PDB file of N, CA and C in Angstrom:
ATOM      1  N   MET A   1       0.851  -1.172   0.000  1.00  0.00           N
ATOM      2  CA  MET A   1       0.000   0.000   0.000  1.00  0.00           C
ATOM      3  C   MET A   1       0.901   1.241   0.000  1.00  0.00           C
ATOM      4  N   ASN A   2       0.642   2.165  -0.927  1.00  0.00           N
ATOM      5  CA  ASN A   2       1.469   3.367  -0.980  1.00  0.00           C
ATOM      6  C   ASN A   2       1.017   4.390   0.058  1.00  0.00           C
ATOM      7  N   THR A   3       1.811   5.418   0.239  1.00  0.00           N
ATOM      8  CA  THR A   3       1.555   6.413   1.285  1.00  0.00           C
ATOM      9  C   THR A   3       0.235   7.144   1.064  1.00  0.00           C
ATOM     10  N   VAL A   4      -0.042   7.563  -0.153  1.00  0.00           N
ATOM     11  CA  VAL A   4      -1.294   8.279  -0.436  1.00  0.00           C
ATOM     12  C   VAL A   4      -2.489   7.389  -0.116  1.00  0.00           C
ATOM     13  N   GLU A   5      -2.431   6.147  -0.516  1.00  0.00           N
ATOM     14  CA  GLU A   5      -3.515   5.205  -0.228  1.00  0.00           C
ATOM     15  C   GLU A   5      -3.720   5.061   1.278  1.00  0.00           C
ATOM     16  N   ARG A   6      -2.655   4.933   2.035  1.00  0.00           N
ATOM     17  CA  ARG A   6      -2.763   4.806   3.494  1.00  0.00           C
ATOM     18  C   ARG A   6      -3.387   6.051   4.108  1.00  0.00           C
ATOM     19  N   ILE A   7      -2.984   7.220   3.640  1.00  0.00           N
ATOM     20  CA  ILE A   7      -3.545   8.468   4.163  1.00  0.00           C
ATOM     21  C   ILE A   7      -5.039   8.531   3.877  1.00  0.00           C
ATOM     22  N   ILE A   8      -5.430   8.273   2.644  1.00  0.00           N
ATOM     23  CA  ILE A   8      -6.845   8.353   2.275  1.00  0.00           C
ATOM     24  C   ILE A   8      -7.675   7.339   3.046  1.00  0.00           C
ATOM     25  N   LYS A   9      -7.168   6.158   3.230  1.00  0.00           N
ATOM     26  CA  LYS A   9      -7.928   5.118   3.932  1.00  0.00           C
ATOM     27  C   LYS A   9      -8.019   5.351   5.437  1.00  0.00           C
ATOM     28  N   ASN A  10      -7.055   6.059   6.026  1.00  0.00           N
ATOM     29  CA  ASN A  10      -6.983   6.149   7.485  1.00  0.00           C
ATOM     30  C   ASN A  10      -7.270   7.515   8.097  1.00  0.00           C
ATOM     31  N   GLU A  11      -7.308   8.565   7.303  1.00  0.00           N
ATOM     32  CA  GLU A  11      -7.447   9.911   7.861  1.00  0.00           C
ATOM     33  C   GLU A  11      -8.796  10.529   7.498  1.00  0.00           C
ATOM     34  N   PRO A  12      -9.275  11.471   8.319  1.00  0.00           N
ATOM     35  CA  PRO A  12     -10.542  12.151   8.018  1.00  0.00           C
ATOM     36  C   PRO A  12     -10.466  12.890   6.677  1.00  0.00           C
ATOM     37  N   VAL A  13     -11.572  12.873   5.959  1.00  0.00           N
ATOM     38  CA  VAL A  13     -11.622  13.492   4.635  1.00  0.00           C
ATOM     39  C   VAL A  13     -11.194  14.959   4.696  1.00  0.00           C
ATOM     40  N   ALA A  14     -11.679  15.704   5.667  1.00  0.00           N
ATOM     41  CA  ALA A  14     -11.348  17.131   5.761  1.00  0.00           C
ATOM     42  C   ALA A  14      -9.845  17.345   5.927  1.00  0.00           C
ATOM     43  N   ASP A  15      -9.199  16.518   6.716  1.00  0.00           N
ATOM     44  CA  ASP A  15      -7.750  16.651   6.911  1.00  0.00           C
ATOM     45  C   ASP A  15      -6.997  16.378   5.609  1.00  0.00           C
ATOM     46  N   VAL A  16      -7.407  15.323   4.921  1.00  0.00           N
ATOM     47  CA  VAL A  16      -6.733  14.952   3.675  1.00  0.00           C
ATOM     48  C   VAL A  16      -6.915  16.042   2.620  1.00  0.00           C
ATOM     49  N   VAL A  17      -8.148  16.493   2.448  1.00  0.00           N
ATOM     50  CA  VAL A  17      -8.426  17.497   1.419  1.00  0.00           C
ATOM     51  C   VAL A  17      -7.751  18.822   1.746  1.00  0.00           C
ATOM     52  N   SER A  18      -7.693  19.184   3.022  1.00  0.00           N
ATOM     53  CA  SER A  18      -7.063  20.463   3.383  1.00  0.00           C
ATOM     54  C   SER A  18      -5.585  20.498   3.004  1.00  0.00           C
ATOM     55  N   LEU A  19      -4.958  19.351   2.916  1.00  0.00           N
ATOM     56  CA  LEU A  19      -3.562  19.292   2.478  1.00  0.00           C
ATOM     57  C   LEU A  19      -3.443  19.025   0.981  1.00  0.00           C
ATOM     58  N   PHE A  20      -4.099  17.982   0.502  1.00  0.00           N
ATOM     59  CA  PHE A  20      -3.941  17.586  -0.895  1.00  0.00           C
ATOM     60  C   PHE A  20      -4.461  18.636  -1.868  1.00  0.00           C
ATOM     61  N   ALA A  21      -5.452  19.433  -1.473  1.00  0.00           N
ATOM     62  CA  ALA A  21      -5.982  20.480  -2.362  1.00  0.00           C
ATOM     63  C   ALA A  21      -4.939  21.551  -2.649  1.00  0.00           C
ATOM     64  N   LEU A  22      -3.945  21.665  -1.786  1.00  0.00           N
ATOM     65  CA  LEU A  22      -2.857  22.622  -2.015  1.00  0.00           C
ATOM     66  C   LEU A  22      -1.847  22.092  -3.034  1.00  0.00           C
ATOM     67  N   LEU A  23      -1.868  20.789  -3.242  1.00  0.00           N
ATOM     68  CA  LEU A  23      -0.873  20.141  -4.091  1.00  0.00           C
ATOM     69  C   LEU A  23      -1.410  19.703  -5.446  1.00  0.00           C
ATOM     70  N   TRP A  24      -2.667  19.264  -5.477  1.00  0.00           N
ATOM     71  CA  TRP A  24      -3.228  18.640  -6.672  1.00  0.00           C
ATOM     72  C   TRP A  24      -4.587  19.219  -7.022  1.00  0.00           C
ATOM     73  N   PRO A  25      -4.972  19.168  -8.298  1.00  0.00           N
ATOM     74  CA  PRO A  25      -6.302  19.632  -8.689  1.00  0.00           C
ATOM     75  C   PRO A  25      -7.394  18.717  -8.125  1.00  0.00           C
ATOM     76  N   ALA A  26      -8.582  19.268  -8.013  1.00  0.00           N
ATOM     77  CA  ALA A  26      -9.714  18.533  -7.436  1.00  0.00           C
ATOM     78  C   ALA A  26      -9.979  17.220  -8.172  1.00  0.00           C
ATOM     79  N   MET A  27      -9.784  17.201  -9.482  1.00  0.00           N
ATOM     80  CA  MET A  27     -10.033  15.971 -10.245  1.00  0.00           C
ATOM     81  C   MET A  27      -9.103  14.839  -9.811  1.00  0.00           C
ATOM     82  N   ARG A  28      -7.888  15.159  -9.471  1.00  0.00           N
ATOM     83  CA  ARG A  28      -6.945  14.121  -9.034  1.00  0.00           C
ATOM     84  C   ARG A  28      -7.338  13.595  -7.654  1.00  0.00           C
ATOM     85  N   ILE A  29      -7.764  14.491  -6.778  1.00  0.00           N
ATOM     86  CA  ILE A  29      -8.209  14.076  -5.448  1.00  0.00           C
ATOM     87  C   ILE A  29      -9.444  13.189  -5.575  1.00  0.00           C
ATOM     88  N   ASP A  30     -10.355  13.574  -6.452  1.00  0.00           N
ATOM     89  CA  ASP A  30     -11.557  12.781  -6.704  1.00  0.00           C
ATOM     90  C   ASP A  30     -11.180  11.377  -7.179  1.00  0.00           C
ATOM     91  N   ARG A  31     -10.229  11.307  -8.072  1.00  0.00           N
ATOM     92  CA  ARG A  31      -9.784  10.004  -8.596  1.00  0.00           C
ATOM     93  C   ARG A  31      -9.171   9.147  -7.489  1.00  0.00           C
ATOM     94  N   MET A  32      -8.361   9.748  -6.646  1.00  0.00           N
ATOM     95  CA  MET A  32      -7.738   8.986  -5.559  1.00  0.00           C
ATOM     96  C   MET A  32      -8.798   8.440  -4.603  1.00  0.00           C
ATOM     97  N   TYR A  33      -9.777   9.262  -4.272  1.00  0.00           N
ATOM     98  CA  TYR A  33     -10.860   8.777  -3.416  1.00  0.00           C
ATOM     99  C   TYR A  33     -11.690   7.725  -4.132  1.00  0.00           C
ATOM    100  N   GLY A  34     -11.882   7.883  -5.428  1.00  0.00           N
ATOM    101  CA  GLY A  34     -12.601   6.871  -6.200  1.00  0.00           C
ATOM    102  C   GLY A  34     -11.906   5.521  -6.156  1.00  0.00           C
ATOM    103  N   LEU A  35     -10.594   5.545  -6.131  1.00  0.00           N
ATOM    104  CA  LEU A  35      -9.817   4.303  -6.078  1.00  0.00           C
ATOM    105  C   LEU A  35      -9.790   3.679  -4.685  1.00  0.00           C
ATOM    106  N   TYR A  36      -9.620   4.501  -3.667  1.00  0.00           N
ATOM    107  CA  TYR A  36      -9.334   3.979  -2.335  1.00  0.00           C
ATOM    108  C   TYR A  36     -10.490   4.057  -1.336  1.00  0.00           C
ATOM    109  N   ARG A  37     -11.444   4.963  -1.559  1.00  0.00           N
ATOM    110  CA  ARG A  37     -12.614   5.083  -0.668  1.00  0.00           C
ATOM    111  C   ARG A  37     -13.792   5.589  -1.492  1.00  0.00           C
ATOM    112  N   SER A  38     -14.261   4.757  -2.385  1.00  0.00           N
ATOM    113  CA  SER A  38     -15.273   5.187  -3.351  1.00  0.00           C
ATOM    114  C   SER A  38     -16.562   5.672  -2.705  1.00  0.00           C
ATOM    115  N   GLU A  39     -16.893   5.194  -1.521  1.00  0.00           N
ATOM    116  CA  GLU A  39     -18.128   5.634  -0.855  1.00  0.00           C
ATOM    117  C   GLU A  39     -18.106   7.127  -0.550  1.00  0.00           C
ATOM    118  N   VAL A  40     -16.926   7.688  -0.345  1.00  0.00           N
ATOM    119  CA  VAL A  40     -16.797   9.124  -0.065  1.00  0.00           C
ATOM    120  C   VAL A  40     -17.226   9.937  -1.289  1.00  0.00           C
ATOM    121  N   VAL A  41     -16.911   9.450  -2.470  1.00  0.00           N
ATOM    122  CA  VAL A  41     -17.321  10.122  -3.707  1.00  0.00           C
ATOM    123  C   VAL A  41     -18.793   9.851  -3.977  1.00  0.00           C
ATOM    124  N   GLN A  42     -19.199   8.596  -3.869  1.00  0.00           N
ATOM    125  CA  GLN A  42     -20.566   8.199  -4.201  1.00  0.00           C
ATOM    126  C   GLN A  42     -21.612   8.876  -3.322  1.00  0.00           C
ATOM    127  N   LYS A  43     -21.305   9.103  -2.067  1.00  0.00           N
ATOM    128  CA  LYS A  43     -22.259   9.724  -1.139  1.00  0.00           C
ATOM    129  C   LYS A  43     -22.172  11.251  -1.129  1.00  0.00           C
ATOM    130  N   GLY A  44     -21.290  11.821  -1.938  1.00  0.00           N
ATOM    131  CA  GLY A  44     -21.162  13.273  -2.019  1.00  0.00           C
ATOM    132  C   GLY A  44     -20.365  13.896  -0.891  1.00  0.00           C
ATOM    133  N   ILE A  45     -19.721  13.069  -0.094  1.00  0.00           N
ATOM    134  CA  ILE A  45     -18.957  13.566   1.052  1.00  0.00           C
ATOM    135  C   ILE A  45     -17.757  14.388   0.598  1.00  0.00           C
ATOM    136  N   LEU A  46     -17.099  13.954  -0.454  1.00  0.00           N
ATOM    137  CA  LEU A  46     -15.903  14.656  -0.922  1.00  0.00           C
ATOM    138  C   LEU A  46     -16.242  16.077  -1.370  1.00  0.00           C
ATOM    139  N   VAL A  47     -17.263  16.226  -2.186  1.00  0.00           N
ATOM    140  CA  VAL A  47     -17.655  17.556  -2.674  1.00  0.00           C
ATOM    141  C   VAL A  47     -18.124  18.432  -1.520  1.00  0.00           C
ATOM    142  N   ALA A  48     -18.925  17.865  -0.622  1.00  0.00           N
ATOM    143  CA  ALA A  48     -19.418  18.635   0.527  1.00  0.00           C
ATOM    144  C   ALA A  48     -18.264  19.099   1.410  1.00  0.00           C
ATOM    145  N   THR A  49     -17.296  18.234   1.622  1.00  0.00           N
ATOM    146  CA  THR A  49     -16.136  18.582   2.444  1.00  0.00           C
ATOM    147  C   THR A  49     -15.301  19.661   1.767  1.00  0.00           C
ATOM    148  N   TYR A  50     -15.064  19.499   0.490  1.00  0.00           N
ATOM    149  CA  TYR A  50     -14.294  20.486  -0.273  1.00  0.00           C
ATOM    150  C   TYR A  50     -14.957  21.856  -0.168  1.00  0.00           C
ATOM    151  N   ASN A  51     -16.266  21.905  -0.386  1.00  0.00           N
ATOM    152  CA  ASN A  51     -17.007  23.172  -0.302  1.00  0.00           C
ATOM    153  C   ASN A  51     -16.969  23.763   1.103  1.00  0.00           C
ATOM    154  N   SER A  52     -17.121  22.930   2.119  1.00  0.00           N
ATOM    155  CA  SER A  52     -17.119  23.454   3.491  1.00  0.00           C
ATOM    156  C   SER A  52     -15.744  23.996   3.884  1.00  0.00           C
ATOM    157  N   LEU A  53     -14.679  23.406   3.378  1.00  0.00           N
ATOM    158  CA  LEU A  53     -13.339  23.922   3.664  1.00  0.00           C
ATOM    159  C   LEU A  53     -13.155  25.321   3.078  1.00  0.00           C
ATOM    160  N   PHE A  54     -13.724  25.567   1.914  1.00  0.00           N
ATOM    161  CA  PHE A  54     -13.686  26.917   1.341  1.00  0.00           C
ATOM    162  C   PHE A  54     -14.582  27.857   2.132  1.00  0.00           C
ATOM    163  N   ASN A  55     -15.790  27.414   2.453  1.00  0.00           N
ATOM    164  CA  ASN A  55     -16.732  28.257   3.206  1.00  0.00           C
ATOM    165  C   ASN A  55     -16.210  28.609   4.592  1.00  0.00           C
ATOM    166  N   ASP A  56     -15.466  27.696   5.202  1.00  0.00           N
ATOM    167  CA  ASP A  56     -14.941  27.906   6.555  1.00  0.00           C
ATOM    168  C   ASP A  56     -13.596  28.637   6.576  1.00  0.00           C
ATOM    169  N   GLY A  57     -13.075  28.981   5.418  1.00  0.00           N
ATOM    170  CA  GLY A  57     -11.818  29.722   5.359  1.00  0.00           C
ATOM    171  C   GLY A  57     -10.578  28.875   5.546  1.00  0.00           C
ATOM    172  N   VAL A  58     -10.730  27.560   5.470  1.00  0.00           N
ATOM    173  CA  VAL A  58      -9.560  26.684   5.568  1.00  0.00           C
ATOM    174  C   VAL A  58      -8.795  26.723   4.244  1.00  0.00           C
ATOM    175  N   LEU A  59      -9.536  26.726   3.152  1.00  0.00           N
ATOM    176  CA  LEU A  59      -8.956  26.847   1.820  1.00  0.00           C
ATOM    177  C   LEU A  59      -9.478  28.115   1.165  1.00  0.00           C
ATOM    178  N   SER A  60      -8.708  28.618   0.215  1.00  0.00           N
ATOM    179  CA  SER A  60      -9.097  29.816  -0.524  1.00  0.00           C
ATOM    180  C   SER A  60      -8.535  29.684  -1.939  1.00  0.00           C
ATOM    181  N   SER A  61      -8.846  30.647  -2.783  1.00  0.00           N
ATOM    182  CA  SER A  61      -8.305  30.672  -4.146  1.00  0.00           C
ATOM    183  C   SER A  61      -7.530  31.962  -4.349  1.00  0.00           C
ATOM    184  N   ASP A  62      -6.418  31.860  -5.076  1.00  0.00           N
ATOM    185  CA  ASP A  62      -5.683  33.077  -5.401  1.00  0.00           C
ATOM    186  C   ASP A  62      -6.256  33.689  -6.680  1.00  0.00           C
ATOM    187  N   LYS A  63      -5.629  34.745  -7.170  1.00  0.00           N
ATOM    188  CA  LYS A  63      -6.145  35.463  -8.341  1.00  0.00           C
ATOM    189  C   LYS A  63      -6.212  34.594  -9.590  1.00  0.00           C
ATOM    190  N   SER A  64      -5.344  33.608  -9.674  1.00  0.00           N
ATOM    191  CA  SER A  64      -5.340  32.728 -10.846  1.00  0.00           C
ATOM    192  C   SER A  64      -6.259  31.521 -10.677  1.00  0.00           C
ATOM    193  N   GLY A  65      -6.915  31.415  -9.527  1.00  0.00           N
ATOM    194  CA  GLY A  65      -7.833  30.305  -9.282  1.00  0.00           C
ATOM    195  C   GLY A  65      -7.198  29.104  -8.613  1.00  0.00           C
ATOM    196  N   LYS A  66      -5.920  29.197  -8.304  1.00  0.00           N
ATOM    197  CA  LYS A  66      -5.225  28.099  -7.631  1.00  0.00           C
ATOM    198  C   LYS A  66      -5.667  28.027  -6.169  1.00  0.00           C
ATOM    199  N   THR A  67      -5.827  26.821  -5.664  1.00  0.00           N
ATOM    200  CA  THR A  67      -6.194  26.637  -4.263  1.00  0.00           C
ATOM    201  C   THR A  67      -4.991  26.930  -3.376  1.00  0.00           C
ATOM    202  N   VAL A  68      -5.216  27.751  -2.362  1.00  0.00           N
ATOM    203  CA  VAL A  68      -4.172  28.147  -1.417  1.00  0.00           C
ATOM    204  C   VAL A  68      -4.717  28.023   0.005  1.00  0.00           C
ATOM    205  N   LYS A  69      -3.826  28.151   0.964  1.00  0.00           N
ATOM    206  CA  LYS A  69      -4.241  28.126   2.366  1.00  0.00           C
ATOM    207  C   LYS A  69      -5.131  29.326   2.657  1.00  0.00           C
ATOM    208  N   GLY A  70      -6.236  29.071   3.348  1.00  0.00           N
ATOM    209  CA  GLY A  70      -7.104  30.153   3.779  1.00  0.00           C
ATOM    210  C   GLY A  70      -6.656  30.671   5.137  1.00  0.00           C
ATOM    211  N   PRO A  71      -7.323  31.704   5.647  1.00  0.00           N
ATOM    212  CA  PRO A  71      -6.926  32.288   6.930  1.00  0.00           C
ATOM    213  C   PRO A  71      -7.096  31.330   8.113  1.00  0.00           C
ATOM    214  N   ASN A  72      -7.927  30.311   7.962  1.00  0.00           N
ATOM    215  CA  ASN A  72      -8.169  29.365   9.054  1.00  0.00           C
ATOM    216  C   ASN A  72      -7.481  28.018   8.841  1.00  0.00           C
ATOM    217  N   TRP A  73      -6.535  27.966   7.903  1.00  0.00           N
ATOM    218  CA  TRP A  73      -5.843  26.708   7.631  1.00  0.00           C
ATOM    219  C   TRP A  73      -4.899  26.368   8.768  1.00  0.00           C
ATOM    220  N   LYS A  74      -4.868  25.105   9.125  1.00  0.00           N
ATOM    221  CA  LYS A  74      -3.833  24.600  10.028  1.00  0.00           C
ATOM    222  C   LYS A  74      -3.429  23.228   9.527  1.00  0.00           C
ATOM    223  N   ALA A  75      -2.215  22.866   9.784  1.00  0.00           N
ATOM    224  CA  ALA A  75      -1.700  21.587   9.302  1.00  0.00           C
ATOM    225  C   ALA A  75      -2.496  20.440   9.911  1.00  0.00           C
ATOM    226  N   PRO A  76      -2.871  19.463   9.089  1.00  0.00           N
ATOM    227  CA  PRO A  76      -3.585  18.301   9.615  1.00  0.00           C
ATOM    228  C   PRO A  76      -2.719  17.549  10.631  1.00  0.00           C
ATOM    229  N   THR A  77      -3.376  16.926  11.573  1.00  0.00           N
ATOM    230  CA  THR A  77      -2.681  16.198  12.635  1.00  0.00           C
ATOM    231  C   THR A  77      -1.718  15.161  12.075  1.00  0.00           C
ATOM    232  N   PHE A  78      -2.139  14.428  11.052  1.00  0.00           N
ATOM    233  CA  PHE A  78      -1.259  13.386  10.511  1.00  0.00           C
ATOM    234  C   PHE A  78       0.027  13.973   9.937  1.00  0.00           C
ATOM    235  N   LEU A  79      -0.025  15.212   9.474  1.00  0.00           N
ATOM    236  CA  LEU A  79       1.175  15.869   8.955  1.00  0.00           C
ATOM    237  C   LEU A  79       2.068  16.339  10.099  1.00  0.00           C
ATOM    238  N   VAL A  80       1.463  16.952  11.100  1.00  0.00           N
ATOM    239  CA  VAL A  80       2.213  17.445  12.263  1.00  0.00           C
ATOM    240  C   VAL A  80       2.908  16.290  12.978  1.00  0.00           C
ATOM    241  N   GLU A  81       2.181  15.183  13.126  1.00  0.00           N
ATOM    242  CA  GLU A  81       2.736  14.015  13.827  1.00  0.00           C
ATOM    243  C   GLU A  81       3.661  13.176  12.954  1.00  0.00           C
ATOM    244  N   LYS A  82       3.771  13.524  11.682  1.00  0.00           N
ATOM    245  CA  LYS A  82       4.631  12.809  10.730  1.00  0.00           C
ATOM    246  C   LYS A  82       4.338  11.310  10.715  1.00  0.00           C
ATOM    247  N   ARG A  83       3.053  10.977  10.663  1.00  0.00           N
ATOM    248  CA  ARG A  83       2.637   9.567  10.696  1.00  0.00           C
ATOM    249  C   ARG A  83       3.089   8.762   9.489  1.00  0.00           C
ATOM    250  N   TYR A  84       3.300   9.413   8.368  1.00  0.00           N
ATOM    251  CA  TYR A  84       3.572   8.675   7.136  1.00  0.00           C
ATOM    252  C   TYR A  84       4.955   8.954   6.562  1.00  0.00           C
ATOM    253  N   ASP A  85       5.872   9.429   7.383  1.00  0.00           N
ATOM    254  CA  ASP A  85       7.241   9.685   6.914  1.00  0.00           C
ATOM    255  C   ASP A  85       8.002   8.399   6.729  1.00  0.00           C
TER     256      ASP A  85
END
């Protein structure tokens, strides 16, 4: 099992998206969840979480439309604890 797969399978969706959205486009995140936790996509949890992170100021968009850290962003626990290093 690769690191991304382990993160997606073991961590809360909001934590994963708050980090991965800074690195990859939404379509890639959707594909990863489709592969490793398809119920999150099928039940609309991924889209709802993505939208709530923007609404809550965790994520934001810059002038070019790229996803960036919002004013309320904080590093996910799994990143701070270096669980997957």
